[in-house]
Amino acid sequence: MTNMKDSATTTASSSSNPLEQFVLLAKSAKGAAAMELIRQVLSAPGVHVFGELLDMPNIKELENGPNINYYRTLKLFAYGTYRQYLENKDQLLELSIAEKKKLQHLTIVTLATKLKVRFL
């Protein structure tokens, strides 16, 4: 019975934090599996934060290899803007329409947090 309870708890926490399932998968994903995981997380609905995934050792390994564009693209989604995507397309993955839209939305949030708007 404890296993069922633990499983239910894990499922509940995963649904409240969509990134969590990807972080768990990243613990064992290496090489091509890590690259596929990045593709999946970029297009996953409900995932809007990526820093925790960037910190995973198997994901960090991509930063120093021939597939650095996967790492750079994930980092762009974590900390960058759509403009940076346009300026550095040759160093990044090609994004789907949905991924571009997601990056645009993340850019709006990033810019909004940087701007101090006074309301009268």
PDB file of N, CA and C in Angstrom:
ATOM      1  N   MET A   1       0.803  -1.188   0.000  1.00  0.00           N
ATOM      2  CA  MET A   1       0.000   0.000   0.000  1.00  0.00           C
ATOM      3  C   MET A   1       0.852   1.260   0.000  1.00  0.00           C
ATOM      4  N   THR A   2       1.972   1.203   0.631  1.00  0.00           N
ATOM      5  CA  THR A   2       2.860   2.352   0.667  1.00  0.00           C
ATOM      6  C   THR A   2       3.288   2.738  -0.743  1.00  0.00           C
ATOM      7  N   ASN A   3       3.544   1.742  -1.587  1.00  0.00           N
ATOM      8  CA  ASN A   3       3.956   2.032  -2.957  1.00  0.00           C
ATOM      9  C   ASN A   3       2.879   2.784  -3.724  1.00  0.00           C
ATOM     10  N   MET A   4       1.625   2.392  -3.532  1.00  0.00           N
ATOM     11  CA  MET A   4       0.533   3.071  -4.212  1.00  0.00           C
ATOM     12  C   MET A   4       0.442   4.522  -3.744  1.00  0.00           C
ATOM     13  N   LYS A   5       0.620   4.731  -2.450  1.00  0.00           N
ATOM     14  CA  LYS A   5       0.572   6.082  -1.905  1.00  0.00           C
ATOM     15  C   LYS A   5       1.723   6.916  -2.466  1.00  0.00           C
ATOM     16  N   ASP A   6       2.922   6.340  -2.488  1.00  0.00           N
ATOM     17  CA  ASP A   6       4.079   7.045  -3.035  1.00  0.00           C
ATOM     18  C   ASP A   6       3.865   7.371  -4.508  1.00  0.00           C
ATOM     19  N   SER A   7       3.294   6.426  -5.234  1.00  0.00           N
ATOM     20  CA  SER A   7       3.030   6.629  -6.649  1.00  0.00           C
ATOM     21  C   SER A   7       2.020   7.754  -6.852  1.00  0.00           C
ATOM     22  N   ALA A   8       0.983   7.776  -6.031  1.00  0.00           N
ATOM     23  CA  ALA A   8      -0.028   8.827  -6.127  1.00  0.00           C
ATOM     24  C   ALA A   8       0.577  10.185  -5.790  1.00  0.00           C
ATOM     25  N   THR A   9       1.438  10.205  -4.790  1.00  0.00           N
ATOM     26  CA  THR A   9       2.100  11.452  -4.409  1.00  0.00           C
ATOM     27  C   THR A   9       2.986  11.944  -5.539  1.00  0.00           C
ATOM     28  N   THR A  10       3.736  11.039  -6.142  1.00  0.00           N
ATOM     29  CA  THR A  10       4.604  11.400  -7.260  1.00  0.00           C
ATOM     30  C   THR A  10       3.780  11.930  -8.424  1.00  0.00           C
ATOM     31  N   THR A  11       2.680  11.263  -8.734  1.00  0.00           N
ATOM     32  CA  THR A  11       1.819  11.699  -9.826  1.00  0.00           C
ATOM     33  C   THR A  11       1.248  13.075  -9.536  1.00  0.00           C
ATOM     34  N   ALA A  12       0.804  13.291  -8.305  1.00  0.00           N
ATOM     35  CA  ALA A  12       0.230  14.582  -7.934  1.00  0.00           C
ATOM     36  C   ALA A  12       1.271  15.686  -8.030  1.00  0.00           C
ATOM     37  N   SER A  13       2.475  15.422  -7.540  1.00  0.00           N
ATOM     38  CA  SER A  13       3.503  16.462  -7.592  1.00  0.00           C
ATOM     39  C   SER A  13       3.974  16.685  -9.019  1.00  0.00           C
ATOM     40  N   SER A  14       3.976  15.644  -9.851  1.00  0.00           N
ATOM     41  CA  SER A  14       4.370  15.801 -11.247  1.00  0.00           C
ATOM     42  C   SER A  14       3.361  16.658 -11.995  1.00  0.00           C
ATOM     43  N   SER A  15       2.077  16.485 -11.666  1.00  0.00           N
ATOM     44  CA  SER A  15       1.071  17.268 -12.361  1.00  0.00           C
ATOM     45  C   SER A  15       1.112  18.721 -11.925  1.00  0.00           C
ATOM     46  N   SER A  16       1.576  18.994 -10.700  1.00  0.00           N
ATOM     47  CA  SER A  16       1.685  20.377 -10.255  1.00  0.00           C
ATOM     48  C   SER A  16       2.987  21.012 -10.742  1.00  0.00           C
ATOM     49  N   ASN A  17       3.962  20.207 -11.098  1.00  0.00           N
ATOM     50  CA  ASN A  17       5.232  20.701 -11.627  1.00  0.00           C
ATOM     51  C   ASN A  17       5.569  19.904 -12.881  1.00  0.00           C
ATOM     52  N   PRO A  18       5.119  20.383 -14.043  1.00  0.00           N
ATOM     53  CA  PRO A  18       5.322  19.622 -15.281  1.00  0.00           C
ATOM     54  C   PRO A  18       6.788  19.352 -15.615  1.00  0.00           C
ATOM     55  N   LEU A  19       7.700  20.194 -15.140  1.00  0.00           N
ATOM     56  CA  LEU A  19       9.118  19.991 -15.430  1.00  0.00           C
ATOM     57  C   LEU A  19       9.681  18.787 -14.693  1.00  0.00           C
ATOM     58  N   GLU A  20       9.087  18.440 -13.569  1.00  0.00           N
ATOM     59  CA  GLU A  20       9.632  17.381 -12.716  1.00  0.00           C
ATOM     60  C   GLU A  20       9.848  16.064 -13.457  1.00  0.00           C
ATOM     61  N   GLN A  21       8.896  15.655 -14.280  1.00  0.00           N
ATOM     62  CA  GLN A  21       9.060  14.387 -15.006  1.00  0.00           C
ATOM     63  C   GLN A  21      10.275  14.430 -15.928  1.00  0.00           C
ATOM     64  N   PHE A  22      10.548  15.590 -16.523  1.00  0.00           N
ATOM     65  CA  PHE A  22      11.703  15.724 -17.410  1.00  0.00           C
ATOM     66  C   PHE A  22      13.011  15.706 -16.620  1.00  0.00           C
ATOM     67  N   VAL A  23      13.001  16.305 -15.443  1.00  0.00           N
ATOM     68  CA  VAL A  23      14.189  16.300 -14.584  1.00  0.00           C
ATOM     69  C   VAL A  23      14.508  14.869 -14.165  1.00  0.00           C
ATOM     70  N   LEU A  24      13.479  14.109 -13.811  1.00  0.00           N
ATOM     71  CA  LEU A  24      13.689  12.704 -13.429  1.00  0.00           C
ATOM     72  C   LEU A  24      14.249  11.898 -14.599  1.00  0.00           C
ATOM     73  N   LEU A  25      13.713  12.112 -15.787  1.00  0.00           N
ATOM     74  CA  LEU A  25      14.204  11.402 -16.973  1.00  0.00           C
ATOM     75  C   LEU A  25      15.636  11.809 -17.314  1.00  0.00           C
ATOM     76  N   ALA A  26      15.985  13.059 -17.045  1.00  0.00           N
ATOM     77  CA  ALA A  26      17.326  13.555 -17.369  1.00  0.00           C
ATOM     78  C   ALA A  26      18.407  12.884 -16.536  1.00  0.00           C
ATOM     79  N   LYS A  27      18.040  12.318 -15.407  1.00  0.00           N
ATOM     80  CA  LYS A  27      19.033  11.647 -14.561  1.00  0.00           C
ATOM     81  C   LYS A  27      19.680  10.468 -15.278  1.00  0.00           C
ATOM     82  N   SER A  28      18.928   9.823 -16.169  1.00  0.00           N
ATOM     83  CA  SER A  28      19.474   8.655 -16.858  1.00  0.00           C
ATOM     84  C   SER A  28      19.644   8.871 -18.367  1.00  0.00           C
ATOM     85  N   ALA A  29      19.185  10.005 -18.879  1.00  0.00           N
ATOM     86  CA  ALA A  29      19.268  10.266 -20.324  1.00  0.00           C
ATOM     87  C   ALA A  29      20.649  10.790 -20.697  1.00  0.00           C
ATOM     88  N   LYS A  30      21.285  10.102 -21.639  1.00  0.00           N
ATOM     89  CA  LYS A  30      22.605  10.536 -22.125  1.00  0.00           C
ATOM     90  C   LYS A  30      22.580  10.587 -23.645  1.00  0.00           C
ATOM     91  N   GLY A  31      23.407  11.452 -24.195  1.00  0.00           N
ATOM     92  CA  GLY A  31      23.553  11.514 -25.647  1.00  0.00           C
ATOM     93  C   GLY A  31      22.255  11.791 -26.371  1.00  0.00           C
ATOM     94  N   ALA A  32      21.897  10.892 -27.292  1.00  0.00           N
ATOM     95  CA  ALA A  32      20.697  11.068 -28.110  1.00  0.00           C
ATOM     96  C   ALA A  32      19.437  11.143 -27.260  1.00  0.00           C
ATOM     97  N   ALA A  33      19.399  10.394 -26.161  1.00  0.00           N
ATOM     98  CA  ALA A  33      18.226  10.431 -25.277  1.00  0.00           C
ATOM     99  C   ALA A  33      18.099  11.800 -24.612  1.00  0.00           C
ATOM    100  N   ALA A  34      19.209  12.399 -24.234  1.00  0.00           N
ATOM    101  CA  ALA A  34      19.192  13.739 -23.634  1.00  0.00           C
ATOM    102  C   ALA A  34      18.745  14.779 -24.664  1.00  0.00           C
ATOM    103  N   MET A  35      19.186  14.602 -25.896  1.00  0.00           N
ATOM    104  CA  MET A  35      18.785  15.533 -26.955  1.00  0.00           C
ATOM    105  C   MET A  35      17.283  15.430 -27.220  1.00  0.00           C
ATOM    106  N   GLU A  36      16.774  14.212 -27.260  1.00  0.00           N
ATOM    107  CA  GLU A  36      15.338  14.013 -27.471  1.00  0.00           C
ATOM    108  C   GLU A  36      14.539  14.579 -26.301  1.00  0.00           C
ATOM    109  N   LEU A  37      15.052  14.429 -25.107  1.00  0.00           N
ATOM    110  CA  LEU A  37      14.397  14.971 -23.920  1.00  0.00           C
ATOM    111  C   LEU A  37      14.282  16.498 -24.021  1.00  0.00           C
ATOM    112  N   ILE A  38      15.321  17.141 -24.502  1.00  0.00           N
ATOM    113  CA  ILE A  38      15.285  18.597 -24.687  1.00  0.00           C
ATOM    114  C   ILE A  38      14.225  18.970 -25.708  1.00  0.00           C
ATOM    115  N   ARG A  39      14.165  18.236 -26.813  1.00  0.00           N
ATOM    116  CA  ARG A  39      13.131  18.516 -27.827  1.00  0.00           C
ATOM    117  C   ARG A  39      11.743  18.396 -27.215  1.00  0.00           C
ATOM    118  N   GLN A  40      11.550  17.363 -26.404  1.00  0.00           N
ATOM    119  CA  GLN A  40      10.240  17.144 -25.793  1.00  0.00           C
ATOM    120  C   GLN A  40       9.875  18.247 -24.809  1.00  0.00           C
ATOM    121  N   VAL A  41      10.828  18.658 -23.978  1.00  0.00           N
ATOM    122  CA  VAL A  41      10.523  19.668 -22.963  1.00  0.00           C
ATOM    123  C   VAL A  41      10.248  21.028 -23.606  1.00  0.00           C
ATOM    124  N   LEU A  42      10.910  21.341 -24.706  1.00  0.00           N
ATOM    125  CA  LEU A  42      10.678  22.624 -25.369  1.00  0.00           C
ATOM    126  C   LEU A  42       9.257  22.738 -25.895  1.00  0.00           C
ATOM    127  N   SER A  43       8.694  21.630 -26.320  1.00  0.00           N
ATOM    128  CA  SER A  43       7.341  21.664 -26.877  1.00  0.00           C
ATOM    129  C   SER A  43       6.268  21.225 -25.881  1.00  0.00           C
ATOM    130  N   ALA A  44       6.667  20.830 -24.689  1.00  0.00           N
ATOM    131  CA  ALA A  44       5.702  20.346 -23.695  1.00  0.00           C
ATOM    132  C   ALA A  44       4.806  21.475 -23.192  1.00  0.00           C
ATOM    133  N   PRO A  45       3.498  21.261 -23.262  1.00  0.00           N
ATOM    134  CA  PRO A  45       2.595  22.281 -22.726  1.00  0.00           C
ATOM    135  C   PRO A  45       2.739  22.368 -21.205  1.00  0.00           C
ATOM    136  N   GLY A  46       2.676  23.557 -20.683  1.00  0.00           N
ATOM    137  CA  GLY A  46       2.745  23.740 -19.239  1.00  0.00           C
ATOM    138  C   GLY A  46       4.144  23.863 -18.676  1.00  0.00           C
ATOM    139  N   VAL A  47       5.162  23.610 -19.478  1.00  0.00           N
ATOM    140  CA  VAL A  47       6.542  23.763 -18.998  1.00  0.00           C
ATOM    141  C   VAL A  47       7.037  25.128 -19.460  1.00  0.00           C
ATOM    142  N   HIS A  48       7.306  25.992 -18.468  1.00  0.00           N
ATOM    143  CA  HIS A  48       7.739  27.350 -18.781  1.00  0.00           C
ATOM    144  C   HIS A  48       9.014  27.746 -18.054  1.00  0.00           C
ATOM    145  N   VAL A  49       9.570  26.838 -17.278  1.00  0.00           N
ATOM    146  CA  VAL A  49      10.848  27.070 -16.598  1.00  0.00           C
ATOM    147  C   VAL A  49      11.782  25.920 -16.948  1.00  0.00           C
ATOM    148  N   PHE A  50      13.054  26.241 -17.133  1.00  0.00           N
ATOM    149  CA  PHE A  50      13.978  25.240 -17.649  1.00  0.00           C
ATOM    150  C   PHE A  50      15.299  25.177 -16.896  1.00  0.00           C
ATOM    151  N   GLY A  51      15.511  26.083 -15.965  1.00  0.00           N
ATOM    152  CA  GLY A  51      16.783  26.168 -15.254  1.00  0.00           C
ATOM    153  C   GLY A  51      17.173  24.895 -14.534  1.00  0.00           C
ATOM    154  N   GLU A  52      16.209  24.257 -13.894  1.00  0.00           N
ATOM    155  CA  GLU A  52      16.491  23.021 -13.156  1.00  0.00           C
ATOM    156  C   GLU A  52      16.992  21.926 -14.093  1.00  0.00           C
ATOM    157  N   LEU A  53      16.433  21.864 -15.278  1.00  0.00           N
ATOM    158  CA  LEU A  53      16.862  20.867 -16.260  1.00  0.00           C
ATOM    159  C   LEU A  53      18.276  21.183 -16.764  1.00  0.00           C
ATOM    160  N   LEU A  54      18.578  22.459 -16.939  1.00  0.00           N
ATOM    161  CA  LEU A  54      19.923  22.865 -17.370  1.00  0.00           C
ATOM    162  C   LEU A  54      20.994  22.434 -16.380  1.00  0.00           C
ATOM    163  N   ASP A  55      20.629  22.349 -15.104  1.00  0.00           N
ATOM    164  CA  ASP A  55      21.588  21.986 -14.055  1.00  0.00           C
ATOM    165  C   ASP A  55      21.867  20.488 -13.964  1.00  0.00           C
ATOM    166  N   MET A  56      21.109  19.685 -14.678  1.00  0.00           N
ATOM    167  CA  MET A  56      21.300  18.235 -14.620  1.00  0.00           C
ATOM    168  C   MET A  56      22.608  17.855 -15.326  1.00  0.00           C
ATOM    169  N   PRO A  57      23.442  17.027 -14.691  1.00  0.00           N
ATOM    170  CA  PRO A  57      24.751  16.666 -15.269  1.00  0.00           C
ATOM    171  C   PRO A  57      24.673  16.112 -16.696  1.00  0.00           C
ATOM    172  N   ASN A  58      23.705  15.242 -16.978  1.00  0.00           N
ATOM    173  CA  ASN A  58      23.614  14.649 -18.316  1.00  0.00           C
ATOM    174  C   ASN A  58      23.242  15.685 -19.379  1.00  0.00           C
ATOM    175  N   ILE A  59      22.524  16.719 -18.972  1.00  0.00           N
ATOM    176  CA  ILE A  59      22.184  17.802 -19.901  1.00  0.00           C
ATOM    177  C   ILE A  59      23.393  18.718 -20.067  1.00  0.00           C
ATOM    178  N   LYS A  60      24.074  19.010 -18.963  1.00  0.00           N
ATOM    179  CA  LYS A  60      25.266  19.873 -19.015  1.00  0.00           C
ATOM    180  C   LYS A  60      26.351  19.290 -19.915  1.00  0.00           C
ATOM    181  N   GLU A  61      26.419  17.961 -20.001  1.00  0.00           N
ATOM    182  CA  GLU A  61      27.422  17.311 -20.859  1.00  0.00           C
ATOM    183  C   GLU A  61      27.306  17.762 -22.312  1.00  0.00           C
ATOM    184  N   LEU A  62      26.105  18.092 -22.738  1.00  0.00           N
ATOM    185  CA  LEU A  62      25.890  18.522 -24.125  1.00  0.00           C
ATOM    186  C   LEU A  62      26.555  19.864 -24.417  1.00  0.00           C
ATOM    187  N   GLU A  63      26.833  20.632 -23.366  1.00  0.00           N
ATOM    188  CA  GLU A  63      27.423  21.960 -23.540  1.00  0.00           C
ATOM    189  C   GLU A  63      28.818  21.893 -24.156  1.00  0.00           C
ATOM    190  N   ASN A  64      29.510  20.795 -23.948  1.00  0.00           N
ATOM    191  CA  ASN A  64      30.892  20.680 -24.420  1.00  0.00           C
ATOM    192  C   ASN A  64      31.068  19.644 -25.520  1.00  0.00           C
ATOM    193  N   GLY A  65      30.017  19.345 -26.230  1.00  0.00           N
ATOM    194  CA  GLY A  65      30.116  18.329 -27.266  1.00  0.00           C
ATOM    195  C   GLY A  65      29.638  18.832 -28.611  1.00  0.00           C
ATOM    196  N   PRO A  66      29.548  17.932 -29.567  1.00  0.00           N
ATOM    197  CA  PRO A  66      29.147  18.310 -30.922  1.00  0.00           C
ATOM    198  C   PRO A  66      27.676  18.728 -31.024  1.00  0.00           C
ATOM    199  N   ASN A  67      26.891  18.412 -29.998  1.00  0.00           N
ATOM    200  CA  ASN A  67      25.468  18.756 -30.013  1.00  0.00           C
ATOM    201  C   ASN A  67      25.155  19.917 -29.076  1.00  0.00           C
ATOM    202  N   ILE A  68      26.074  20.849 -29.007  1.00  0.00           N
ATOM    203  CA  ILE A  68      25.930  22.009 -28.131  1.00  0.00           C
ATOM    204  C   ILE A  68      24.684  22.831 -28.474  1.00  0.00           C
ATOM    205  N   ASN A  69      24.221  22.748 -29.733  1.00  0.00           N
ATOM    206  CA  ASN A  69      23.040  23.520 -30.124  1.00  0.00           C
ATOM    207  C   ASN A  69      21.804  23.126 -29.304  1.00  0.00           C
ATOM    208  N   TYR A  70      21.737  21.882 -28.844  1.00  0.00           N
ATOM    209  CA  TYR A  70      20.623  21.466 -27.982  1.00  0.00           C
ATOM    210  C   TYR A  70      20.707  22.184 -26.642  1.00  0.00           C
ATOM    211  N   TYR A  71      21.898  22.219 -26.072  1.00  0.00           N
ATOM    212  CA  TYR A  71      22.100  22.898 -24.792  1.00  0.00           C
ATOM    213  C   TYR A  71      21.829  24.395 -24.940  1.00  0.00           C
ATOM    214  N   ARG A  72      22.351  24.995 -25.990  1.00  0.00           N
ATOM    215  CA  ARG A  72      22.153  26.432 -26.211  1.00  0.00           C
ATOM    216  C   ARG A  72      20.673  26.778 -26.361  1.00  0.00           C
ATOM    217  N   THR A  73      19.935  25.925 -27.052  1.00  0.00           N
ATOM    218  CA  THR A  73      18.508  26.188 -27.246  1.00  0.00           C
ATOM    219  C   THR A  73      17.755  26.082 -25.927  1.00  0.00           C
ATOM    220  N   LEU A  74      18.077  25.081 -25.133  1.00  0.00           N
ATOM    221  CA  LEU A  74      17.443  24.954 -23.819  1.00  0.00           C
ATOM    222  C   LEU A  74      17.778  26.168 -22.954  1.00  0.00           C
ATOM    223  N   LYS A  75      19.020  26.598 -23.000  1.00  0.00           N
ATOM    224  CA  LYS A  75      19.446  27.773 -22.225  1.00  0.00           C
ATOM    225  C   LYS A  75      18.720  29.032 -22.710  1.00  0.00           C
ATOM    226  N   LEU A  76      18.506  29.126 -24.009  1.00  0.00           N
ATOM    227  CA  LEU A  76      17.758  30.250 -24.569  1.00  0.00           C
ATOM    228  C   LEU A  76      16.344  30.289 -23.991  1.00  0.00           C
ATOM    229  N   PHE A  77      15.690  29.136 -23.927  1.00  0.00           N
ATOM    230  CA  PHE A  77      14.339  29.082 -23.366  1.00  0.00           C
ATOM    231  C   PHE A  77      14.348  29.428 -21.876  1.00  0.00           C
ATOM    232  N   ALA A  78      15.433  29.120 -21.193  1.00  0.00           N
ATOM    233  CA  ALA A  78      15.525  29.410 -19.761  1.00  0.00           C
ATOM    234  C   ALA A  78      15.796  30.887 -19.498  1.00  0.00           C
ATOM    235  N   TYR A  79      16.679  31.494 -20.293  1.00  0.00           N
ATOM    236  CA  TYR A  79      17.158  32.835 -19.952  1.00  0.00           C
ATOM    237  C   TYR A  79      17.144  33.840 -21.100  1.00  0.00           C
ATOM    238  N   GLY A  80      16.811  33.394 -22.296  1.00  0.00           N
ATOM    239  CA  GLY A  80      16.942  34.269 -23.455  1.00  0.00           C
ATOM    240  C   GLY A  80      15.634  34.855 -23.942  1.00  0.00           C
ATOM    241  N   THR A  81      15.717  35.455 -25.123  1.00  0.00           N
ATOM    242  CA  THR A  81      14.557  36.094 -25.744  1.00  0.00           C
ATOM    243  C   THR A  81      14.424  35.642 -27.197  1.00  0.00           C
ATOM    244  N   TYR A  82      13.274  35.937 -27.757  1.00  0.00           N
ATOM    245  CA  TYR A  82      13.028  35.592 -29.151  1.00  0.00           C
ATOM    246  C   TYR A  82      14.014  36.327 -30.066  1.00  0.00           C
ATOM    247  N   ARG A  83      14.343  37.550 -29.715  1.00  0.00           N
ATOM    248  CA  ARG A  83      15.312  38.308 -30.511  1.00  0.00           C
ATOM    249  C   ARG A  83      16.660  37.581 -30.547  1.00  0.00           C
ATOM    250  N   GLN A  84      17.089  37.062 -29.409  1.00  0.00           N
ATOM    251  CA  GLN A  84      18.351  36.314 -29.360  1.00  0.00           C
ATOM    252  C   GLN A  84      18.265  35.066 -30.229  1.00  0.00           C
ATOM    253  N   TYR A  85      17.089  34.462 -30.276  1.00  0.00           N
ATOM    254  CA  TYR A  85      16.893  33.312 -31.160  1.00  0.00           C
ATOM    255  C   TYR A  85      17.121  33.734 -32.614  1.00  0.00           C
ATOM    256  N   LEU A  86      16.494  34.832 -33.009  1.00  0.00           N
ATOM    257  CA  LEU A  86      16.629  35.300 -34.389  1.00  0.00           C
ATOM    258  C   LEU A  86      18.071  35.665 -34.724  1.00  0.00           C
ATOM    259  N   GLU A  87      18.775  36.233 -33.762  1.00  0.00           N
ATOM    260  CA  GLU A  87      20.161  36.658 -33.981  1.00  0.00           C
ATOM    261  C   GLU A  87      21.150  35.493 -33.999  1.00  0.00           C
ATOM    262  N   ASN A  88      20.777  34.367 -33.419  1.00  0.00           N
ATOM    263  CA  ASN A  88      21.708  33.238 -33.276  1.00  0.00           C
ATOM    264  C   ASN A  88      21.160  31.931 -33.836  1.00  0.00           C
ATOM    265  N   LYS A  89      20.243  32.019 -34.788  1.00  0.00           N
ATOM    266  CA  LYS A  89      19.600  30.824 -35.347  1.00  0.00           C
ATOM    267  C   LYS A  89      20.590  29.756 -35.785  1.00  0.00           C
ATOM    268  N   ASP A  90      21.716  30.175 -36.325  1.00  0.00           N
ATOM    269  CA  ASP A  90      22.692  29.221 -36.850  1.00  0.00           C
ATOM    270  C   ASP A  90      23.355  28.389 -35.752  1.00  0.00           C
ATOM    271  N   GLN A  91      23.244  28.802 -34.500  1.00  0.00           N
ATOM    272  CA  GLN A  91      23.848  28.070 -33.381  1.00  0.00           C
ATOM    273  C   GLN A  91      22.807  27.318 -32.549  1.00  0.00           C
ATOM    274  N   LEU A  92      21.552  27.374 -32.987  1.00  0.00           N
ATOM    275  CA  LEU A  92      20.453  26.801 -32.209  1.00  0.00           C
ATOM    276  C   LEU A  92      19.681  25.785 -33.039  1.00  0.00           C
ATOM    277  N   LEU A  93      18.801  25.069 -32.368  1.00  0.00           N
ATOM    278  CA  LEU A  93      17.911  24.150 -33.067  1.00  0.00           C
ATOM    279  C   LEU A  93      16.882  24.945 -33.853  1.00  0.00           C
ATOM    280  N   GLU A  94      16.406  24.375 -34.941  1.00  0.00           N
ATOM    281  CA  GLU A  94      15.294  24.987 -35.647  1.00  0.00           C
ATOM    282  C   GLU A  94      14.037  24.715 -34.829  1.00  0.00           C
ATOM    283  N   LEU A  95      13.261  25.751 -34.580  1.00  0.00           N
ATOM    284  CA  LEU A  95      12.081  25.611 -33.735  1.00  0.00           C
ATOM    285  C   LEU A  95      10.821  25.418 -34.563  1.00  0.00           C
ATOM    286  N   SER A  96       9.905  24.641 -34.015  1.00  0.00           N
ATOM    287  CA  SER A  96       8.590  24.486 -34.627  1.00  0.00           C
ATOM    288  C   SER A  96       7.795  25.774 -34.394  1.00  0.00           C
ATOM    289  N   ILE A  97       6.674  25.901 -35.047  1.00  0.00           N
ATOM    290  CA  ILE A  97       5.819  27.077 -34.854  1.00  0.00           C
ATOM    291  C   ILE A  97       5.395  27.188 -33.389  1.00  0.00           C
ATOM    292  N   ALA A  98       5.011  26.071 -32.785  1.00  0.00           N
ATOM    293  CA  ALA A  98       4.586  26.075 -31.377  1.00  0.00           C
ATOM    294  C   ALA A  98       5.738  26.474 -30.451  1.00  0.00           C
ATOM    295  N   GLU A  99       6.941  25.999 -30.749  1.00  0.00           N
ATOM    296  CA  GLU A  99       8.108  26.353 -29.928  1.00  0.00           C
ATOM    297  C   GLU A  99       8.446  27.837 -30.073  1.00  0.00           C
ATOM    298  N   LYS A 100       8.319  28.361 -31.286  1.00  0.00           N
ATOM    299  CA  LYS A 100       8.553  29.796 -31.489  1.00  0.00           C
ATOM    300  C   LYS A 100       7.543  30.614 -30.690  1.00  0.00           C
ATOM    301  N   LYS A 101       6.294  30.196 -30.722  1.00  0.00           N
ATOM    302  CA  LYS A 101       5.244  30.899 -29.983  1.00  0.00           C
ATOM    303  C   LYS A 101       5.523  30.844 -28.484  1.00  0.00           C
ATOM    304  N   LYS A 102       5.952  29.701 -28.006  1.00  0.00           N
ATOM    305  CA  LYS A 102       6.281  29.557 -26.585  1.00  0.00           C
ATOM    306  C   LYS A 102       7.429  30.489 -26.210  1.00  0.00           C
ATOM    307  N   LEU A 103       8.455  30.551 -27.037  1.00  0.00           N
ATOM    308  CA  LEU A 103       9.589  31.434 -26.773  1.00  0.00           C
ATOM    309  C   LEU A 103       9.152  32.898 -26.811  1.00  0.00           C
ATOM    310  N   GLN A 104       8.253  33.237 -27.702  1.00  0.00           N
ATOM    311  CA  GLN A 104       7.729  34.604 -27.744  1.00  0.00           C
ATOM    312  C   GLN A 104       6.994  34.937 -26.447  1.00  0.00           C
ATOM    313  N   HIS A 105       6.197  34.006 -25.957  1.00  0.00           N
ATOM    314  CA  HIS A 105       5.480  34.220 -24.689  1.00  0.00           C
ATOM    315  C   HIS A 105       6.462  34.365 -23.531  1.00  0.00           C
ATOM    316  N   LEU A 106       7.476  33.516 -23.500  1.00  0.00           N
ATOM    317  CA  LEU A 106       8.493  33.615 -22.448  1.00  0.00           C
ATOM    318  C   LEU A 106       9.233  34.947 -22.528  1.00  0.00           C
ATOM    319  N   THR A 107       9.451  35.433 -23.743  1.00  0.00           N
ATOM    320  CA  THR A 107      10.112  36.725 -23.938  1.00  0.00           C
ATOM    321  C   THR A 107       9.266  37.854 -23.361  1.00  0.00           C
ATOM    322  N   ILE A 108       7.968  37.805 -23.590  1.00  0.00           N
ATOM    323  CA  ILE A 108       7.069  38.827 -23.040  1.00  0.00           C
ATOM    324  C   ILE A 108       7.156  38.843 -21.517  1.00  0.00           C
ATOM    325  N   VAL A 109       7.161  37.667 -20.915  1.00  0.00           N
ATOM    326  CA  VAL A 109       7.273  37.576 -19.456  1.00  0.00           C
ATOM    327  C   VAL A 109       8.616  38.138 -18.993  1.00  0.00           C
ATOM    328  N   THR A 110       9.684  37.773 -19.683  1.00  0.00           N
ATOM    329  CA  THR A 110      11.022  38.265 -19.333  1.00  0.00           C
ATOM    330  C   THR A 110      11.081  39.785 -19.406  1.00  0.00           C
ATOM    331  N   LEU A 111      10.582  40.337 -20.501  1.00  0.00           N
ATOM    332  CA  LEU A 111      10.618  41.790 -20.668  1.00  0.00           C
ATOM    333  C   LEU A 111       9.731  42.487 -19.644  1.00  0.00           C
ATOM    334  N   ALA A 112       8.591  41.903 -19.348  1.00  0.00           N
ATOM    335  CA  ALA A 112       7.684  42.498 -18.362  1.00  0.00           C
ATOM    336  C   ALA A 112       8.316  42.547 -16.978  1.00  0.00           C
ATOM    337  N   THR A 113       9.085  41.540 -16.628  1.00  0.00           N
ATOM    338  CA  THR A 113       9.722  41.538 -15.310  1.00  0.00           C
ATOM    339  C   THR A 113      10.886  42.520 -15.246  1.00  0.00           C
ATOM    340  N   LYS A 114      11.455  42.859 -16.393  1.00  0.00           N
ATOM    341  CA  LYS A 114      12.579  43.798 -16.419  1.00  0.00           C
ATOM    342  C   LYS A 114      12.123  45.256 -16.452  1.00  0.00           C
ATOM    343  N   LEU A 115      10.931  45.487 -16.954  1.00  0.00           N
ATOM    344  CA  LEU A 115      10.427  46.852 -17.074  1.00  0.00           C
ATOM    345  C   LEU A 115       9.683  47.254 -15.814  1.00  0.00           C
ATOM    346  N   LYS A 116       9.917  48.464 -15.390  1.00  0.00           N
ATOM    347  CA  LYS A 116       9.186  49.010 -14.249  1.00  0.00           C
ATOM    348  C   LYS A 116       8.124  49.940 -14.819  1.00  0.00           C
ATOM    349  N   VAL A 117       6.890  49.523 -14.750  1.00  0.00           N
ATOM    350  CA  VAL A 117       5.796  50.323 -15.278  1.00  0.00           C
ATOM    351  C   VAL A 117       5.039  50.930 -14.104  1.00  0.00           C
ATOM    352  N   ARG A 118       4.828  52.236 -14.173  1.00  0.00           N
ATOM    353  CA  ARG A 118       4.083  52.912 -13.112  1.00  0.00           C
ATOM    354  C   ARG A 118       2.646  53.090 -13.567  1.00  0.00           C
ATOM    355  N   PHE A 119       1.765  52.693 -12.719  1.00  0.00           N
ATOM    356  CA  PHE A 119       0.348  52.877 -12.992  1.00  0.00           C
ATOM    357  C   PHE A 119      -0.145  54.072 -12.193  1.00  0.00           C
ATOM    358  N   LEU A 120      -0.933  54.900 -12.845  1.00  0.00           N
ATOM    359  CA  LEU A 120      -1.464  56.090 -12.161  1.00  0.00           C
ATOM    360  C   LEU A 120      -2.754  55.794 -11.455  1.00  0.00           C
TER     361      LEU A 120
END
